[in-house]
Amino acid sequence: MPGLRGSFITEPAAMTLAALILANRLLACGISLRLKYATLGVLFVNISIGGALTSFAAPPVLMVAGKWGWDIGFMMSTFGWKAAIAVGVNALGATLLFGKELAKLSATDSSARGEAVPPILSLIHLAFLAGVVAFAHYPAIFMSLFLFFLGVAHAYSRYQDPLILRGYFEDEAVHPLGLLFAALPPTLIAALSFKYL
């Protein structure tokens, strides 16, 4: 479940990666505007609460985890299992709600239309990602890695995809109110999960 990935690679990175994957595999397939907003709403809520599985992925938790002694075991036993249930219910609910439309989609992946990325470049990207996570609290190393990554991305720009979701929406904009209304049901499910489980 993409929502749970937020606990292992930080929420912003998980949201970006999941949104890019969904852009190629779902948003580009001519789905309805309602399904596009529902997908983003569930994605953002699930990744946000998925960050509660560990003591380092969600910035609010990270700020207090050391001071209050919250480790991974505490997070999993106190909040993580509730987050996992909410993530599953949200994903299942969206799938059931839009099941007929999802069933009509072809199994083709629209991301396959570009030039194949060399495996070594994929490994370099993964190494940069691991380095950024490992050195997130060391600004000099973090910035050095980031600048070096920008150089690699520029040198191999033909293999890079633009970080744009807006092209899949009307008026080339993701409207905040549409996203707000789409995120309300999964947010309510998450709140109920944390309060009553």
N, C-alpha and C. Protein backbone atom coordinates (compact mmCIF):
# COMPACT_ATOMS: atom_id res chain seq x y z
N MET A 1 0.84 -1.18 0.00
CA MET A 1 0.00 0.00 0.00
C MET A 1 0.88 1.24 0.00
N PRO A 2 0.69 2.15 -0.96
CA PRO A 2 1.55 3.31 -1.01
C PRO A 2 1.47 4.16 0.25
N GLY A 3 0.34 4.14 0.95
CA GLY A 3 0.21 4.96 2.14
C GLY A 3 1.21 4.60 3.21
N LEU A 4 1.56 3.34 3.32
CA LEU A 4 2.47 2.90 4.36
C LEU A 4 3.91 3.21 4.02
N ARG A 5 4.21 3.51 2.76
CA ARG A 5 5.58 3.83 2.39
C ARG A 5 6.06 5.12 3.03
N GLY A 6 5.13 5.97 3.45
CA GLY A 6 5.50 7.22 4.10
C GLY A 6 6.31 7.00 5.36
N SER A 7 6.19 5.84 5.97
CA SER A 7 6.93 5.56 7.19
C SER A 7 8.38 5.21 6.93
N PHE A 8 8.74 4.88 5.73
CA PHE A 8 10.08 4.40 5.47
C PHE A 8 10.92 5.36 4.63
N ILE A 9 10.32 6.23 3.86
CA ILE A 9 11.12 7.15 3.06
C ILE A 9 10.73 8.61 3.27
N THR A 10 10.04 8.92 4.31
CA THR A 10 9.50 10.24 4.67
C THR A 10 8.27 10.56 3.82
N GLU A 11 7.37 11.31 4.40
CA GLU A 11 6.10 11.59 3.74
C GLU A 11 6.23 12.37 2.43
N PRO A 12 6.99 13.47 2.38
CA PRO A 12 7.06 14.19 1.10
C PRO A 12 7.62 13.34 -0.03
N ALA A 13 8.63 12.54 0.25
CA ALA A 13 9.20 11.68 -0.79
C ALA A 13 8.18 10.63 -1.22
N ALA A 14 7.48 10.04 -0.27
CA ALA A 14 6.49 9.02 -0.60
C ALA A 14 5.35 9.61 -1.42
N MET A 15 4.90 10.81 -1.06
CA MET A 15 3.82 11.46 -1.82
C MET A 15 4.26 11.73 -3.25
N THR A 16 5.47 12.25 -3.40
CA THR A 16 5.97 12.56 -4.73
C THR A 16 6.09 11.30 -5.57
N LEU A 17 6.72 10.28 -5.03
CA LEU A 17 6.89 9.03 -5.79
C LEU A 17 5.55 8.39 -6.14
N ALA A 18 4.66 8.30 -5.17
CA ALA A 18 3.36 7.68 -5.43
C ALA A 18 2.55 8.48 -6.44
N ALA A 19 2.59 9.81 -6.32
CA ALA A 19 1.85 10.64 -7.27
C ALA A 19 2.39 10.48 -8.69
N LEU A 20 3.70 10.38 -8.83
CA LEU A 20 4.29 10.19 -10.16
C LEU A 20 3.93 8.83 -10.74
N ILE A 21 3.93 7.81 -9.90
CA ILE A 21 3.54 6.48 -10.36
C ILE A 21 2.08 6.48 -10.78
N LEU A 22 1.23 7.08 -9.96
CA LEU A 22 -0.20 7.13 -10.29
C LEU A 22 -0.48 7.99 -11.52
N ALA A 23 0.34 9.02 -11.72
CA ALA A 23 0.13 9.87 -12.91
C ALA A 23 0.26 9.05 -14.17
N ASN A 24 1.28 8.22 -14.24
CA ASN A 24 1.50 7.40 -15.44
C ASN A 24 0.56 6.22 -15.55
N ARG A 25 0.21 5.63 -14.42
CA ARG A 25 -0.57 4.40 -14.45
C ARG A 25 -2.07 4.60 -14.32
N LEU A 26 -2.50 5.77 -13.84
CA LEU A 26 -3.94 5.96 -13.62
C LEU A 26 -4.43 7.28 -14.19
N LEU A 27 -3.83 8.39 -13.78
CA LEU A 27 -4.35 9.69 -14.20
C LEU A 27 -4.27 9.89 -15.71
N ALA A 28 -3.29 9.29 -16.36
CA ALA A 28 -3.13 9.45 -17.80
C ALA A 28 -4.07 8.56 -18.61
N CYS A 29 -4.86 7.75 -17.94
CA CYS A 29 -5.71 6.78 -18.63
C CYS A 29 -7.10 7.31 -18.95
N GLY A 30 -7.33 8.60 -18.82
CA GLY A 30 -8.62 9.16 -19.17
C GLY A 30 -9.71 8.87 -18.15
N ILE A 31 -9.36 8.79 -16.89
CA ILE A 31 -10.36 8.52 -15.85
C ILE A 31 -11.16 9.78 -15.54
N SER A 32 -12.25 9.62 -14.82
CA SER A 32 -13.10 10.76 -14.49
C SER A 32 -12.40 11.71 -13.53
N LEU A 33 -12.85 12.94 -13.53
CA LEU A 33 -12.28 13.95 -12.63
C LEU A 33 -12.52 13.56 -11.17
N ARG A 34 -13.68 12.97 -10.88
CA ARG A 34 -13.97 12.52 -9.50
C ARG A 34 -12.95 11.49 -9.03
N LEU A 35 -12.61 10.53 -9.90
CA LEU A 35 -11.64 9.51 -9.53
C LEU A 35 -10.25 10.11 -9.38
N LYS A 36 -9.91 11.09 -10.19
CA LYS A 36 -8.60 11.75 -10.05
C LYS A 36 -8.46 12.41 -8.68
N TYR A 37 -9.48 13.18 -8.29
CA TYR A 37 -9.42 13.85 -6.99
C TYR A 37 -9.49 12.83 -5.84
N ALA A 38 -10.32 11.81 -5.99
CA ALA A 38 -10.41 10.79 -4.94
C ALA A 38 -9.07 10.08 -4.77
N THR A 39 -8.40 9.81 -5.87
CA THR A 39 -7.10 9.16 -5.81
C THR A 39 -6.10 10.01 -5.05
N LEU A 40 -6.04 11.30 -5.38
CA LEU A 40 -5.09 12.18 -4.68
C LEU A 40 -5.48 12.38 -3.22
N GLY A 41 -6.77 12.50 -2.95
CA GLY A 41 -7.22 12.68 -1.57
C GLY A 41 -6.84 11.49 -0.70
N VAL A 42 -7.12 10.28 -1.19
CA VAL A 42 -6.77 9.07 -0.44
C VAL A 42 -5.25 8.94 -0.33
N LEU A 43 -4.55 9.23 -1.41
CA LEU A 43 -3.09 9.16 -1.39
C LEU A 43 -2.50 10.07 -0.32
N PHE A 44 -2.89 11.32 -0.31
CA PHE A 44 -2.32 12.28 0.64
C PHE A 44 -2.65 11.93 2.08
N VAL A 45 -3.89 11.53 2.33
CA VAL A 45 -4.28 11.16 3.70
C VAL A 45 -3.55 9.90 4.13
N ASN A 46 -3.55 8.88 3.27
CA ASN A 46 -2.93 7.62 3.64
C ASN A 46 -1.43 7.76 3.88
N ILE A 47 -0.75 8.52 3.08
CA ILE A 47 0.69 8.69 3.29
C ILE A 47 0.94 9.52 4.55
N SER A 48 0.11 10.50 4.79
CA SER A 48 0.28 11.31 6.00
C SER A 48 0.12 10.47 7.26
N ILE A 49 -0.91 9.64 7.31
CA ILE A 49 -1.10 8.83 8.51
C ILE A 49 -0.16 7.62 8.52
N GLY A 50 0.28 7.20 7.34
CA GLY A 50 1.26 6.12 7.27
C GLY A 50 2.57 6.51 7.93
N GLY A 51 2.83 7.80 8.01
CA GLY A 51 4.03 8.29 8.68
C GLY A 51 4.02 8.04 10.18
N ALA A 52 2.88 7.64 10.72
CA ALA A 52 2.78 7.36 12.16
C ALA A 52 3.29 5.96 12.52
N LEU A 53 3.71 5.19 11.53
CA LEU A 53 4.24 3.85 11.81
C LEU A 53 5.62 3.90 12.47
N THR A 54 6.40 4.91 12.14
CA THR A 54 7.76 5.01 12.69
C THR A 54 7.93 6.34 13.40
N SER A 55 9.05 6.47 14.07
CA SER A 55 9.33 7.70 14.81
C SER A 55 10.10 8.71 13.99
N PHE A 56 10.33 8.44 12.70
CA PHE A 56 11.15 9.35 11.92
C PHE A 56 10.55 9.85 10.62
N ALA A 57 9.42 9.34 10.19
CA ALA A 57 8.90 9.72 8.89
C ALA A 57 8.01 10.96 8.93
N ALA A 58 7.17 11.08 9.93
CA ALA A 58 6.24 12.21 10.02
C ALA A 58 6.93 13.35 10.78
N PRO A 59 7.07 14.53 10.17
CA PRO A 59 7.74 15.63 10.85
C PRO A 59 7.19 15.97 12.23
N PRO A 60 5.86 15.97 12.46
CA PRO A 60 5.39 16.26 13.81
C PRO A 60 5.85 15.23 14.84
N VAL A 61 5.89 13.96 14.44
CA VAL A 61 6.34 12.91 15.34
C VAL A 61 7.85 13.03 15.57
N LEU A 62 8.57 13.30 14.49
CA LEU A 62 10.02 13.43 14.58
C LEU A 62 10.43 14.51 15.58
N MET A 63 9.66 15.58 15.63
CA MET A 63 10.00 16.69 16.54
C MET A 63 9.90 16.30 18.01
N VAL A 64 9.04 15.36 18.35
CA VAL A 64 8.84 15.01 19.76
C VAL A 64 9.35 13.62 20.12
N ALA A 65 9.64 12.79 19.13
CA ALA A 65 9.98 11.39 19.39
C ALA A 65 11.17 11.23 20.33
N GLY A 66 12.24 11.95 20.09
CA GLY A 66 13.43 11.84 20.93
C GLY A 66 13.18 12.32 22.35
N LYS A 67 12.50 13.43 22.45
CA LYS A 67 12.24 14.03 23.76
C LYS A 67 11.30 13.18 24.61
N TRP A 68 10.33 12.54 23.97
CA TRP A 68 9.34 11.76 24.70
C TRP A 68 9.66 10.26 24.73
N GLY A 69 10.77 9.88 24.09
CA GLY A 69 11.16 8.47 24.10
C GLY A 69 10.33 7.57 23.20
N TRP A 70 9.81 8.11 22.11
CA TRP A 70 9.00 7.31 21.19
C TRP A 70 9.93 6.63 20.18
N ASP A 71 10.03 5.33 20.24
CA ASP A 71 10.81 4.58 19.26
C ASP A 71 9.85 3.88 18.30
N ILE A 72 10.41 3.08 17.39
CA ILE A 72 9.56 2.41 16.39
C ILE A 72 8.57 1.45 17.06
N GLY A 73 9.03 0.74 18.07
CA GLY A 73 8.13 -0.18 18.77
C GLY A 73 6.94 0.53 19.39
N PHE A 74 7.21 1.67 20.03
CA PHE A 74 6.12 2.44 20.62
C PHE A 74 5.16 2.95 19.54
N MET A 75 5.72 3.46 18.46
CA MET A 75 4.88 4.01 17.39
C MET A 75 4.00 2.92 16.77
N MET A 76 4.60 1.75 16.53
CA MET A 76 3.82 0.66 15.92
C MET A 76 2.71 0.18 16.85
N SER A 77 3.01 0.04 18.14
CA SER A 77 2.03 -0.51 19.06
C SER A 77 0.97 0.51 19.49
N THR A 78 1.29 1.79 19.41
CA THR A 78 0.35 2.81 19.85
C THR A 78 -0.45 3.41 18.69
N PHE A 79 0.25 3.77 17.62
CA PHE A 79 -0.41 4.47 16.51
C PHE A 79 -0.38 3.69 15.20
N GLY A 80 0.70 2.96 14.98
CA GLY A 80 0.93 2.33 13.67
C GLY A 80 -0.16 1.38 13.22
N TRP A 81 -0.61 0.51 14.11
CA TRP A 81 -1.63 -0.45 13.70
C TRP A 81 -2.94 0.24 13.38
N LYS A 82 -3.23 1.33 14.08
CA LYS A 82 -4.45 2.09 13.77
C LYS A 82 -4.32 2.76 12.40
N ALA A 83 -3.13 3.30 12.13
CA ALA A 83 -2.89 3.93 10.83
C ALA A 83 -3.00 2.90 9.70
N ALA A 84 -2.46 1.70 9.93
CA ALA A 84 -2.51 0.66 8.90
C ALA A 84 -3.96 0.26 8.60
N ILE A 85 -4.78 0.17 9.62
CA ILE A 85 -6.20 -0.16 9.40
C ILE A 85 -6.89 0.95 8.61
N ALA A 86 -6.65 2.20 8.99
CA ALA A 86 -7.27 3.33 8.29
C ALA A 86 -6.81 3.38 6.83
N VAL A 87 -5.53 3.13 6.58
CA VAL A 87 -5.00 3.12 5.21
C VAL A 87 -5.72 2.05 4.39
N GLY A 88 -5.86 0.86 4.97
CA GLY A 88 -6.54 -0.22 4.26
C GLY A 88 -8.00 0.08 3.98
N VAL A 89 -8.70 0.63 4.97
CA VAL A 89 -10.12 0.98 4.79
C VAL A 89 -10.26 2.06 3.73
N ASN A 90 -9.40 3.07 3.77
CA ASN A 90 -9.47 4.15 2.76
C ASN A 90 -9.23 3.62 1.35
N ALA A 91 -8.21 2.80 1.19
CA ALA A 91 -7.90 2.26 -0.13
C ALA A 91 -9.02 1.34 -0.62
N LEU A 92 -9.51 0.50 0.27
CA LEU A 92 -10.59 -0.40 -0.11
C LEU A 92 -11.86 0.37 -0.44
N GLY A 93 -12.17 1.39 0.35
CA GLY A 93 -13.36 2.20 0.10
C GLY A 93 -13.32 2.89 -1.26
N ALA A 94 -12.17 3.48 -1.58
CA ALA A 94 -12.04 4.14 -2.88
C ALA A 94 -12.13 3.13 -4.02
N THR A 95 -11.53 1.97 -3.83
CA THR A 95 -11.58 0.93 -4.86
C THR A 95 -13.00 0.44 -5.09
N LEU A 96 -13.74 0.24 -4.02
CA LEU A 96 -15.13 -0.21 -4.15
C LEU A 96 -16.01 0.88 -4.76
N LEU A 97 -15.79 2.12 -4.33
CA LEU A 97 -16.60 3.24 -4.83
C LEU A 97 -16.42 3.44 -6.34
N PHE A 98 -15.18 3.26 -6.81
CA PHE A 98 -14.89 3.49 -8.23
C PHE A 98 -14.56 2.18 -8.95
N GLY A 99 -15.04 1.07 -8.42
CA GLY A 99 -14.72 -0.24 -8.97
C GLY A 99 -15.09 -0.41 -10.43
N LYS A 100 -16.27 0.05 -10.82
CA LYS A 100 -16.71 -0.11 -12.21
C LYS A 100 -15.79 0.65 -13.16
N GLU A 101 -15.42 1.86 -12.78
CA GLU A 101 -14.54 2.65 -13.64
C GLU A 101 -13.14 2.05 -13.68
N LEU A 102 -12.65 1.58 -12.55
CA LEU A 102 -11.32 0.97 -12.51
C LEU A 102 -11.27 -0.32 -13.31
N ALA A 103 -12.37 -1.07 -13.32
CA ALA A 103 -12.41 -2.33 -14.07
C ALA A 103 -12.32 -2.11 -15.57
N LYS A 104 -12.71 -0.94 -16.04
CA LYS A 104 -12.69 -0.64 -17.47
C LYS A 104 -11.31 -0.22 -17.97
N LEU A 105 -10.39 0.06 -17.06
CA LEU A 105 -9.07 0.51 -17.47
C LEU A 105 -8.28 -0.63 -18.07
N SER A 106 -7.46 -0.30 -19.06
CA SER A 106 -6.60 -1.34 -19.64
C SER A 106 -5.39 -1.53 -18.75
N ALA A 107 -4.73 -2.63 -18.91
CA ALA A 107 -3.57 -2.96 -18.08
C ALA A 107 -2.30 -2.33 -18.60
N THR A 108 -2.38 -1.54 -19.66
CA THR A 108 -1.17 -0.93 -20.20
C THR A 108 -0.69 0.20 -19.32
N ASP A 109 0.59 0.37 -19.30
CA ASP A 109 1.22 1.42 -18.50
C ASP A 109 1.69 2.51 -19.44
N SER A 110 1.15 3.71 -19.31
CA SER A 110 1.50 4.79 -20.23
C SER A 110 2.92 5.29 -20.01
N SER A 111 3.58 4.85 -18.93
CA SER A 111 4.95 5.29 -18.70
C SER A 111 5.94 4.55 -19.60
N ALA A 112 5.50 3.51 -20.28
CA ALA A 112 6.40 2.71 -21.10
C ALA A 112 6.69 3.34 -22.44
N ARG A 113 6.19 4.54 -22.68
CA ARG A 113 6.36 5.14 -24.00
C ARG A 113 7.71 5.82 -24.18
N GLY A 114 8.44 6.09 -23.11
CA GLY A 114 9.72 6.78 -23.22
C GLY A 114 10.88 5.83 -23.39
N GLU A 115 12.08 6.41 -23.44
CA GLU A 115 13.30 5.63 -23.57
C GLU A 115 13.58 4.88 -22.26
N ALA A 116 14.06 3.67 -22.37
CA ALA A 116 14.33 2.85 -21.19
C ALA A 116 15.46 3.48 -20.37
N VAL A 117 15.28 3.50 -19.07
CA VAL A 117 16.27 4.07 -18.16
C VAL A 117 17.33 3.01 -17.88
N PRO A 118 18.62 3.35 -18.06
CA PRO A 118 19.67 2.38 -17.76
C PRO A 118 19.63 1.97 -16.29
N PRO A 119 19.80 0.69 -16.00
CA PRO A 119 19.73 0.21 -14.61
C PRO A 119 20.72 0.93 -13.68
N ILE A 120 21.88 1.28 -14.18
CA ILE A 120 22.86 1.97 -13.33
C ILE A 120 22.35 3.33 -12.89
N LEU A 121 21.61 4.00 -13.77
CA LEU A 121 21.05 5.31 -13.40
C LEU A 121 19.97 5.14 -12.32
N SER A 122 19.19 4.07 -12.41
CA SER A 122 18.21 3.79 -11.36
C SER A 122 18.90 3.53 -10.03
N LEU A 123 19.99 2.79 -10.06
CA LEU A 123 20.75 2.53 -8.83
C LEU A 123 21.34 3.81 -8.25
N ILE A 124 21.80 4.69 -9.12
CA ILE A 124 22.34 5.98 -8.65
C ILE A 124 21.24 6.80 -7.97
N HIS A 125 20.06 6.81 -8.56
CA HIS A 125 18.94 7.53 -7.95
C HIS A 125 18.59 6.94 -6.59
N LEU A 126 18.56 5.62 -6.49
CA LEU A 126 18.28 4.98 -5.21
C LEU A 126 19.36 5.29 -4.18
N ALA A 127 20.61 5.35 -4.62
CA ALA A 127 21.71 5.70 -3.70
C ALA A 127 21.55 7.13 -3.20
N PHE A 128 21.16 8.04 -4.08
CA PHE A 128 20.92 9.42 -3.66
C PHE A 128 19.77 9.48 -2.65
N LEU A 129 18.70 8.74 -2.92
CA LEU A 129 17.56 8.72 -2.01
C LEU A 129 17.98 8.20 -0.64
N ALA A 130 18.73 7.11 -0.61
CA ALA A 130 19.21 6.56 0.66
C ALA A 130 20.13 7.55 1.37
N GLY A 131 20.98 8.22 0.61
CA GLY A 131 21.88 9.21 1.21
C GLY A 131 21.15 10.39 1.80
N VAL A 132 20.14 10.86 1.11
CA VAL A 132 19.36 12.00 1.60
C VAL A 132 18.65 11.63 2.90
N VAL A 133 18.08 10.41 2.96
CA VAL A 133 17.41 9.97 4.18
C VAL A 133 18.42 9.80 5.31
N ALA A 134 19.57 9.19 5.01
CA ALA A 134 20.58 8.92 6.04
C ALA A 134 21.21 10.21 6.58
N PHE A 135 21.37 11.21 5.73
CA PHE A 135 22.05 12.44 6.14
C PHE A 135 21.12 13.64 6.24
N ALA A 136 19.83 13.37 6.48
CA ALA A 136 18.84 14.45 6.55
C ALA A 136 19.15 15.45 7.66
N HIS A 137 19.84 15.03 8.70
CA HIS A 137 20.14 15.92 9.83
C HIS A 137 21.55 16.50 9.77
N TYR A 138 22.21 16.34 8.65
CA TYR A 138 23.55 16.88 8.44
C TYR A 138 23.50 17.77 7.20
N PRO A 139 23.18 19.05 7.38
CA PRO A 139 22.92 19.94 6.23
C PRO A 139 24.04 19.99 5.19
N ALA A 140 25.28 19.99 5.60
CA ALA A 140 26.38 20.09 4.63
C ALA A 140 26.40 18.86 3.71
N ILE A 141 26.26 17.68 4.28
CA ILE A 141 26.26 16.46 3.48
C ILE A 141 24.99 16.38 2.64
N PHE A 142 23.86 16.72 3.26
CA PHE A 142 22.58 16.69 2.56
C PHE A 142 22.62 17.60 1.33
N MET A 143 23.09 18.83 1.50
CA MET A 143 23.14 19.77 0.38
C MET A 143 24.14 19.32 -0.69
N SER A 144 25.25 18.74 -0.27
CA SER A 144 26.22 18.23 -1.24
C SER A 144 25.60 17.12 -2.09
N LEU A 145 24.92 16.20 -1.43
CA LEU A 145 24.24 15.13 -2.17
C LEU A 145 23.18 15.69 -3.11
N PHE A 146 22.42 16.66 -2.60
CA PHE A 146 21.35 17.24 -3.41
C PHE A 146 21.92 17.95 -4.65
N LEU A 147 22.98 18.72 -4.47
CA LEU A 147 23.59 19.42 -5.62
C LEU A 147 24.19 18.43 -6.61
N PHE A 148 24.82 17.39 -6.10
CA PHE A 148 25.37 16.37 -6.97
C PHE A 148 24.25 15.67 -7.74
N PHE A 149 23.13 15.41 -7.06
CA PHE A 149 21.98 14.80 -7.72
C PHE A 149 21.46 15.70 -8.84
N LEU A 150 21.38 17.01 -8.58
CA LEU A 150 20.91 17.93 -9.62
C LEU A 150 21.82 17.87 -10.85
N GLY A 151 23.12 17.73 -10.63
CA GLY A 151 24.06 17.59 -11.74
C GLY A 151 23.81 16.32 -12.54
N VAL A 152 23.60 15.22 -11.84
CA VAL A 152 23.32 13.95 -12.52
C VAL A 152 22.00 14.04 -13.28
N ALA A 153 20.98 14.62 -12.65
CA ALA A 153 19.68 14.77 -13.30
C ALA A 153 19.79 15.63 -14.56
N HIS A 154 20.60 16.68 -14.49
CA HIS A 154 20.78 17.55 -15.67
C HIS A 154 21.57 16.83 -16.76
N ALA A 155 22.61 16.10 -16.36
CA ALA A 155 23.43 15.40 -17.35
C ALA A 155 22.64 14.32 -18.08
N TYR A 156 21.70 13.70 -17.39
CA TYR A 156 20.89 12.64 -17.99
C TYR A 156 19.43 13.06 -18.07
N SER A 157 19.20 14.29 -18.51
CA SER A 157 17.84 14.85 -18.52
C SER A 157 16.88 14.09 -19.43
N ARG A 158 17.40 13.41 -20.43
CA ARG A 158 16.48 12.68 -21.33
C ARG A 158 15.78 11.53 -20.63
N TYR A 159 16.30 11.10 -19.48
CA TYR A 159 15.67 10.03 -18.72
C TYR A 159 14.80 10.55 -17.58
N GLN A 160 14.71 11.86 -17.42
CA GLN A 160 13.96 12.44 -16.31
C GLN A 160 12.56 12.84 -16.77
N ASP A 161 11.58 12.62 -15.90
CA ASP A 161 10.21 13.04 -16.17
C ASP A 161 9.93 14.31 -15.38
N PRO A 162 9.16 15.24 -15.95
CA PRO A 162 8.81 16.44 -15.19
C PRO A 162 7.87 16.10 -14.04
N LEU A 163 7.99 16.85 -12.94
CA LEU A 163 7.15 16.63 -11.75
C LEU A 163 5.88 17.48 -11.90
N ILE A 164 5.04 17.09 -12.83
CA ILE A 164 3.82 17.84 -13.06
C ILE A 164 2.62 16.94 -13.02
N LEU A 165 1.61 17.16 -12.06
CA LEU A 165 0.34 16.44 -12.03
C LEU A 165 -0.75 17.28 -12.67
N ARG A 166 -0.55 18.59 -12.67
CA ARG A 166 -1.63 19.49 -13.10
C ARG A 166 -2.07 19.25 -14.53
N GLY A 167 -1.20 18.72 -15.37
CA GLY A 167 -1.56 18.47 -16.76
C GLY A 167 -2.67 17.43 -16.92
N TYR A 168 -2.97 16.68 -15.88
CA TYR A 168 -4.00 15.66 -15.94
C TYR A 168 -5.36 16.17 -15.45
N PHE A 169 -5.42 17.46 -15.07
CA PHE A 169 -6.65 18.02 -14.52
C PHE A 169 -7.15 19.16 -15.42
N GLU A 170 -8.45 19.46 -15.26
CA GLU A 170 -9.06 20.55 -16.03
C GLU A 170 -8.34 21.85 -15.72
N ASP A 171 -8.21 22.70 -16.71
CA ASP A 171 -7.53 24.00 -16.59
C ASP A 171 -6.09 23.85 -16.13
N GLU A 172 -5.53 22.64 -16.27
CA GLU A 172 -4.17 22.34 -15.83
C GLU A 172 -3.90 22.82 -14.41
N ALA A 173 -4.84 22.54 -13.52
CA ALA A 173 -4.70 22.92 -12.11
C ALA A 173 -5.41 21.91 -11.23
N VAL A 174 -4.75 21.57 -10.12
CA VAL A 174 -5.38 20.76 -9.09
C VAL A 174 -6.04 21.76 -8.14
N HIS A 175 -7.35 21.84 -8.18
CA HIS A 175 -8.06 22.85 -7.40
C HIS A 175 -8.10 22.46 -5.92
N PRO A 176 -7.74 23.39 -5.04
CA PRO A 176 -7.67 23.08 -3.61
C PRO A 176 -9.00 22.59 -3.03
N LEU A 177 -10.10 23.17 -3.45
CA LEU A 177 -11.40 22.74 -2.91
C LEU A 177 -11.74 21.32 -3.34
N GLY A 178 -11.41 20.97 -4.57
CA GLY A 178 -11.63 19.60 -5.04
C GLY A 178 -10.82 18.61 -4.23
N LEU A 179 -9.58 18.97 -3.95
CA LEU A 179 -8.72 18.11 -3.14
C LEU A 179 -9.20 18.04 -1.69
N LEU A 180 -9.67 19.18 -1.17
CA LEU A 180 -10.20 19.21 0.19
C LEU A 180 -11.40 18.27 0.34
N PHE A 181 -12.36 18.38 -0.57
CA PHE A 181 -13.55 17.54 -0.49
C PHE A 181 -13.22 16.06 -0.71
N ALA A 182 -12.23 15.78 -1.56
CA ALA A 182 -11.84 14.40 -1.79
C ALA A 182 -11.11 13.81 -0.59
N ALA A 183 -10.41 14.65 0.16
CA ALA A 183 -9.64 14.17 1.32
C ALA A 183 -10.47 14.08 2.59
N LEU A 184 -11.66 14.70 2.62
CA LEU A 184 -12.48 14.67 3.84
C LEU A 184 -12.90 13.26 4.27
N PRO A 185 -13.47 12.42 3.39
CA PRO A 185 -13.86 11.08 3.85
C PRO A 185 -12.69 10.24 4.39
N PRO A 186 -11.55 10.18 3.68
CA PRO A 186 -10.45 9.40 4.26
C PRO A 186 -9.89 10.01 5.55
N THR A 187 -9.97 11.34 5.68
CA THR A 187 -9.53 11.99 6.91
C THR A 187 -10.45 11.60 8.06
N LEU A 188 -11.75 11.57 7.79
CA LEU A 188 -12.72 11.17 8.81
C LEU A 188 -12.49 9.72 9.25
N ILE A 189 -12.23 8.85 8.30
CA ILE A 189 -11.95 7.45 8.63
C ILE A 189 -10.69 7.34 9.49
N ALA A 190 -9.67 8.10 9.13
CA ALA A 190 -8.43 8.09 9.93
C ALA A 190 -8.68 8.61 11.34
N ALA A 191 -9.43 9.70 11.46
CA ALA A 191 -9.72 10.26 12.78
C ALA A 191 -10.50 9.26 13.63
N LEU A 192 -11.49 8.61 13.04
CA LEU A 192 -12.27 7.62 13.78
C LEU A 192 -11.40 6.43 14.18
N SER A 193 -10.50 6.05 13.31
CA SER A 193 -9.60 4.94 13.62
C SER A 193 -8.71 5.27 14.81
N PHE A 194 -8.12 6.45 14.81
CA PHE A 194 -7.24 6.84 15.92
C PHE A 194 -8.01 7.05 17.22
N LYS A 195 -9.25 7.49 17.11
CA LYS A 195 -10.03 7.78 18.33
C LYS A 195 -10.65 6.53 18.95
N TYR A 196 -11.19 5.63 18.12
CA TYR A 196 -11.98 4.54 18.66
C TYR A 196 -11.32 3.16 18.63
N LEU A 197 -10.20 3.01 17.97
CA LEU A 197 -9.54 1.69 17.97
C LEU A 197 -8.52 1.60 19.08
